Amino acid sequence: MQINKYVKNPVEIEAVLVELQWFPNIAFWCGGKISQYYDKMNNPVDCIEIKTLEGTMTAQIGDYIIKGVKGEFYPIKDEIFKYTYTLIN
């Protein structure tokens, strides 16, 4: 077995930071649904449900939602987003 190293090809994507005041606009943009669930401490958490290629996922305040190269949407945590992407405009 040979293990190789690869670098991700540079691909331009669209992304938006999830902020509560923009929930309706963001949900419309990604075809998502505003929702709420309860965390382990039974506290309500506002989120946007997004149908992705892997199934329904949720984006919370502080996450990013990315529009991929084929028009697909998916959420990504802030830390991973900032590690992976650089603003170009």
N, C-alpha and C. Protein backbone atom coordinates (compact mmCIF):
# COMPACT_ATOMS: atom_id res chain seq x y z
N MET A 1 0.85 -1.18 0.00
CA MET A 1 0.00 0.00 0.00
C MET A 1 0.89 1.23 0.00
N GLN A 2 0.54 2.20 -0.83
CA GLN A 2 1.28 3.44 -0.88
C GLN A 2 0.35 4.59 -0.47
N ILE A 3 0.77 5.37 0.50
CA ILE A 3 0.00 6.53 0.94
C ILE A 3 0.59 7.76 0.29
N ASN A 4 -0.27 8.50 -0.40
CA ASN A 4 0.15 9.71 -1.11
C ASN A 4 -0.43 10.94 -0.44
N LYS A 5 0.18 12.07 -0.67
CA LYS A 5 -0.33 13.34 -0.17
C LYS A 5 -0.93 14.12 -1.33
N TYR A 6 -2.03 14.82 -1.04
CA TYR A 6 -2.72 15.61 -2.05
C TYR A 6 -3.03 16.99 -1.51
N VAL A 7 -3.19 17.94 -2.41
CA VAL A 7 -3.61 19.30 -2.06
C VAL A 7 -4.94 19.55 -2.75
N LYS A 8 -5.87 20.15 -2.03
CA LYS A 8 -7.17 20.47 -2.60
C LYS A 8 -7.01 21.50 -3.71
N ASN A 9 -7.66 21.25 -4.84
CA ASN A 9 -7.62 22.20 -5.95
C ASN A 9 -8.28 23.51 -5.54
N PRO A 10 -7.74 24.63 -5.99
CA PRO A 10 -8.39 25.91 -5.65
C PRO A 10 -9.73 26.02 -6.38
N VAL A 11 -10.79 26.17 -5.60
CA VAL A 11 -12.14 26.26 -6.14
C VAL A 11 -12.82 27.45 -5.48
N GLU A 12 -13.43 28.29 -6.29
CA GLU A 12 -14.15 29.44 -5.75
C GLU A 12 -15.55 29.00 -5.34
N ILE A 13 -15.95 29.34 -4.12
CA ILE A 13 -17.27 29.00 -3.59
C ILE A 13 -17.94 30.26 -3.08
N GLU A 14 -19.23 30.19 -2.85
CA GLU A 14 -19.96 31.25 -2.15
C GLU A 14 -20.23 30.76 -0.74
N ALA A 15 -20.19 31.66 0.22
CA ALA A 15 -20.46 31.28 1.60
C ALA A 15 -21.08 32.45 2.34
N VAL A 16 -21.83 32.13 3.38
CA VAL A 16 -22.44 33.15 4.22
C VAL A 16 -22.32 32.73 5.68
N LEU A 17 -22.02 33.69 6.52
CA LEU A 17 -21.96 33.46 7.96
C LEU A 17 -23.39 33.47 8.50
N VAL A 18 -23.74 32.46 9.27
CA VAL A 18 -25.10 32.38 9.82
C VAL A 18 -25.22 33.31 11.02
N GLU A 19 -26.09 34.31 10.87
CA GLU A 19 -26.39 35.27 11.92
C GLU A 19 -27.91 35.31 12.10
N LEU A 20 -28.36 35.38 13.34
CA LEU A 20 -29.79 35.28 13.65
C LEU A 20 -30.63 36.28 12.87
N GLN A 21 -30.18 37.53 12.76
CA GLN A 21 -31.00 38.55 12.09
C GLN A 21 -31.18 38.28 10.60
N TRP A 22 -30.36 37.38 10.02
CA TRP A 22 -30.45 37.08 8.60
C TRP A 22 -31.03 35.69 8.32
N PHE A 23 -31.55 35.02 9.35
CA PHE A 23 -32.07 33.66 9.18
C PHE A 23 -33.01 33.53 7.98
N PRO A 24 -34.05 34.38 7.84
CA PRO A 24 -34.97 34.21 6.69
C PRO A 24 -34.25 34.33 5.34
N ASN A 25 -33.36 35.31 5.22
CA ASN A 25 -32.63 35.50 3.96
C ASN A 25 -31.71 34.32 3.67
N ILE A 26 -31.01 33.84 4.69
CA ILE A 26 -30.08 32.73 4.52
C ILE A 26 -30.84 31.45 4.17
N ALA A 27 -31.94 31.21 4.88
CA ALA A 27 -32.75 30.01 4.60
C ALA A 27 -33.27 30.04 3.17
N PHE A 28 -33.71 31.19 2.71
CA PHE A 28 -34.19 31.33 1.33
C PHE A 28 -33.05 31.06 0.35
N TRP A 29 -31.88 31.63 0.61
CA TRP A 29 -30.72 31.49 -0.28
C TRP A 29 -30.33 30.03 -0.48
N CYS A 30 -30.32 29.26 0.60
CA CYS A 30 -29.85 27.88 0.50
C CYS A 30 -30.99 26.86 0.39
N GLY A 31 -32.23 27.35 0.31
CA GLY A 31 -33.36 26.43 0.24
C GLY A 31 -33.59 25.69 1.54
N GLY A 32 -33.14 26.30 2.63
CA GLY A 32 -33.24 25.66 3.94
C GLY A 32 -34.52 26.01 4.66
N LYS A 33 -34.64 25.51 5.87
CA LYS A 33 -35.83 25.69 6.70
C LYS A 33 -35.39 26.13 8.10
N ILE A 34 -35.98 27.22 8.58
CA ILE A 34 -35.68 27.69 9.94
C ILE A 34 -36.29 26.71 10.92
N SER A 35 -35.52 26.33 11.91
CA SER A 35 -35.96 25.32 12.85
C SER A 35 -35.36 25.59 14.22
N GLN A 36 -35.67 24.71 15.13
CA GLN A 36 -35.12 24.82 16.48
C GLN A 36 -35.02 23.40 17.04
N TYR A 37 -33.97 23.15 17.79
CA TYR A 37 -33.85 21.88 18.49
C TYR A 37 -33.38 22.18 19.91
N TYR A 38 -33.38 21.16 20.74
CA TYR A 38 -32.97 21.35 22.14
C TYR A 38 -31.66 20.62 22.38
N ASP A 39 -30.71 21.33 22.99
CA ASP A 39 -29.41 20.74 23.27
C ASP A 39 -29.49 19.80 24.48
N LYS A 40 -28.34 19.30 24.90
CA LYS A 40 -28.29 18.35 26.01
C LYS A 40 -28.79 18.93 27.32
N MET A 41 -28.71 20.25 27.45
CA MET A 41 -29.19 20.91 28.67
C MET A 41 -30.63 21.38 28.52
N ASN A 42 -31.29 20.94 27.45
CA ASN A 42 -32.68 21.27 27.15
C ASN A 42 -32.88 22.75 26.83
N ASN A 43 -31.84 23.40 26.33
CA ASN A 43 -31.94 24.79 25.89
C ASN A 43 -32.28 24.82 24.40
N PRO A 44 -33.19 25.72 23.99
CA PRO A 44 -33.52 25.80 22.57
C PRO A 44 -32.35 26.39 21.77
N VAL A 45 -32.10 25.82 20.60
CA VAL A 45 -31.03 26.27 19.71
C VAL A 45 -31.65 26.55 18.35
N ASP A 46 -31.56 27.82 17.89
CA ASP A 46 -32.06 28.18 16.58
C ASP A 46 -31.10 27.65 15.53
N CYS A 47 -31.66 27.17 14.42
CA CYS A 47 -30.81 26.64 13.36
C CYS A 47 -31.53 26.73 12.02
N ILE A 48 -30.78 26.43 10.98
CA ILE A 48 -31.34 26.32 9.64
C ILE A 48 -31.06 24.90 9.17
N GLU A 49 -32.12 24.18 8.82
CA GLU A 49 -31.97 22.83 8.29
C GLU A 49 -31.70 22.93 6.80
N ILE A 50 -30.70 22.20 6.33
CA ILE A 50 -30.29 22.24 4.94
C ILE A 50 -30.26 20.82 4.40
N LYS A 51 -30.90 20.62 3.25
CA LYS A 51 -30.81 19.32 2.59
C LYS A 51 -29.50 19.29 1.82
N THR A 52 -28.62 18.37 2.21
CA THR A 52 -27.31 18.24 1.58
C THR A 52 -27.26 16.92 0.81
N LEU A 53 -26.17 16.69 0.12
CA LEU A 53 -25.98 15.43 -0.59
C LEU A 53 -25.89 14.26 0.38
N GLU A 54 -25.54 14.53 1.65
CA GLU A 54 -25.41 13.48 2.67
C GLU A 54 -26.63 13.38 3.56
N GLY A 55 -27.68 14.15 3.28
CA GLY A 55 -28.87 14.16 4.12
C GLY A 55 -29.08 15.54 4.73
N THR A 56 -30.05 15.67 5.62
CA THR A 56 -30.35 16.95 6.24
C THR A 56 -29.34 17.26 7.33
N MET A 57 -28.77 18.47 7.27
CA MET A 57 -27.81 18.94 8.28
C MET A 57 -28.31 20.28 8.81
N THR A 58 -27.79 20.70 9.96
CA THR A 58 -28.19 21.97 10.53
C THR A 58 -27.01 22.92 10.64
N ALA A 59 -27.31 24.19 10.41
CA ALA A 59 -26.34 25.27 10.60
C ALA A 59 -26.82 26.14 11.74
N GLN A 60 -25.94 26.42 12.67
CA GLN A 60 -26.27 27.25 13.83
C GLN A 60 -25.62 28.61 13.68
N ILE A 61 -26.00 29.52 14.56
CA ILE A 61 -25.38 30.84 14.59
C ILE A 61 -23.87 30.67 14.75
N GLY A 62 -23.10 31.36 13.89
CA GLY A 62 -21.65 31.26 13.94
C GLY A 62 -21.07 30.28 12.94
N ASP A 63 -21.92 29.40 12.38
CA ASP A 63 -21.46 28.50 11.33
C ASP A 63 -21.47 29.25 10.00
N TYR A 64 -20.90 28.63 9.00
CA TYR A 64 -21.00 29.13 7.63
C TYR A 64 -21.84 28.15 6.82
N ILE A 65 -22.50 28.65 5.81
CA ILE A 65 -23.15 27.79 4.83
C ILE A 65 -22.44 28.04 3.51
N ILE A 66 -22.03 26.97 2.87
CA ILE A 66 -21.27 27.03 1.64
C ILE A 66 -22.13 26.55 0.48
N LYS A 67 -22.02 27.25 -0.63
CA LYS A 67 -22.61 26.77 -1.88
C LYS A 67 -21.47 26.19 -2.70
N GLY A 68 -21.53 24.88 -2.93
CA GLY A 68 -20.44 24.19 -3.61
C GLY A 68 -20.44 24.40 -5.11
N VAL A 69 -19.50 23.77 -5.76
CA VAL A 69 -19.27 23.97 -7.20
C VAL A 69 -20.42 23.46 -8.06
N LYS A 70 -21.23 22.57 -7.55
CA LYS A 70 -22.36 22.03 -8.31
C LYS A 70 -23.69 22.60 -7.82
N GLY A 71 -23.62 23.68 -7.02
CA GLY A 71 -24.84 24.32 -6.51
C GLY A 71 -25.39 23.69 -5.24
N GLU A 72 -24.67 22.74 -4.69
CA GLU A 72 -25.10 22.09 -3.46
C GLU A 72 -24.74 22.97 -2.26
N PHE A 73 -25.49 22.84 -1.19
CA PHE A 73 -25.26 23.63 0.03
C PHE A 73 -24.91 22.69 1.17
N TYR A 74 -24.07 23.18 2.07
CA TYR A 74 -23.78 22.44 3.28
C TYR A 74 -23.20 23.37 4.33
N PRO A 75 -23.45 23.05 5.61
CA PRO A 75 -22.90 23.87 6.70
C PRO A 75 -21.49 23.44 7.04
N ILE A 76 -20.74 24.39 7.59
CA ILE A 76 -19.38 24.11 8.03
C ILE A 76 -19.10 24.97 9.27
N LYS A 77 -18.47 24.40 10.24
CA LYS A 77 -18.15 25.13 11.47
C LYS A 77 -17.13 26.24 11.17
N ASP A 78 -17.24 27.32 11.91
CA ASP A 78 -16.41 28.51 11.74
C ASP A 78 -14.92 28.18 11.71
N GLU A 79 -14.46 27.39 12.66
CA GLU A 79 -13.03 27.07 12.77
C GLU A 79 -12.52 26.36 11.52
N ILE A 80 -13.28 25.40 11.03
CA ILE A 80 -12.89 24.65 9.82
C ILE A 80 -12.95 25.57 8.60
N PHE A 81 -13.99 26.40 8.53
CA PHE A 81 -14.13 27.32 7.40
C PHE A 81 -12.92 28.24 7.31
N LYS A 82 -12.55 28.85 8.42
CA LYS A 82 -11.43 29.80 8.42
C LYS A 82 -10.09 29.12 8.14
N TYR A 83 -9.98 27.86 8.48
CA TYR A 83 -8.76 27.10 8.21
C TYR A 83 -8.66 26.72 6.73
N THR A 84 -9.82 26.54 6.10
CA THR A 84 -9.87 26.01 4.74
C THR A 84 -10.01 27.07 3.65
N TYR A 85 -10.68 28.19 3.96
CA TYR A 85 -11.01 29.18 2.92
C TYR A 85 -10.42 30.54 3.24
N THR A 86 -10.16 31.32 2.16
CA THR A 86 -9.65 32.68 2.26
C THR A 86 -10.57 33.59 1.45
N LEU A 87 -10.96 34.71 2.02
CA LEU A 87 -11.81 35.69 1.33
C LEU A 87 -11.07 36.27 0.13
N ILE A 88 -11.75 36.35 -1.03
CA ILE A 88 -11.09 36.89 -2.22
C ILE A 88 -11.67 38.21 -2.67
N ASN A 89 -12.77 38.67 -2.09
CA ASN A 89 -13.31 39.99 -2.47
C ASN A 89 -13.70 40.79 -1.26
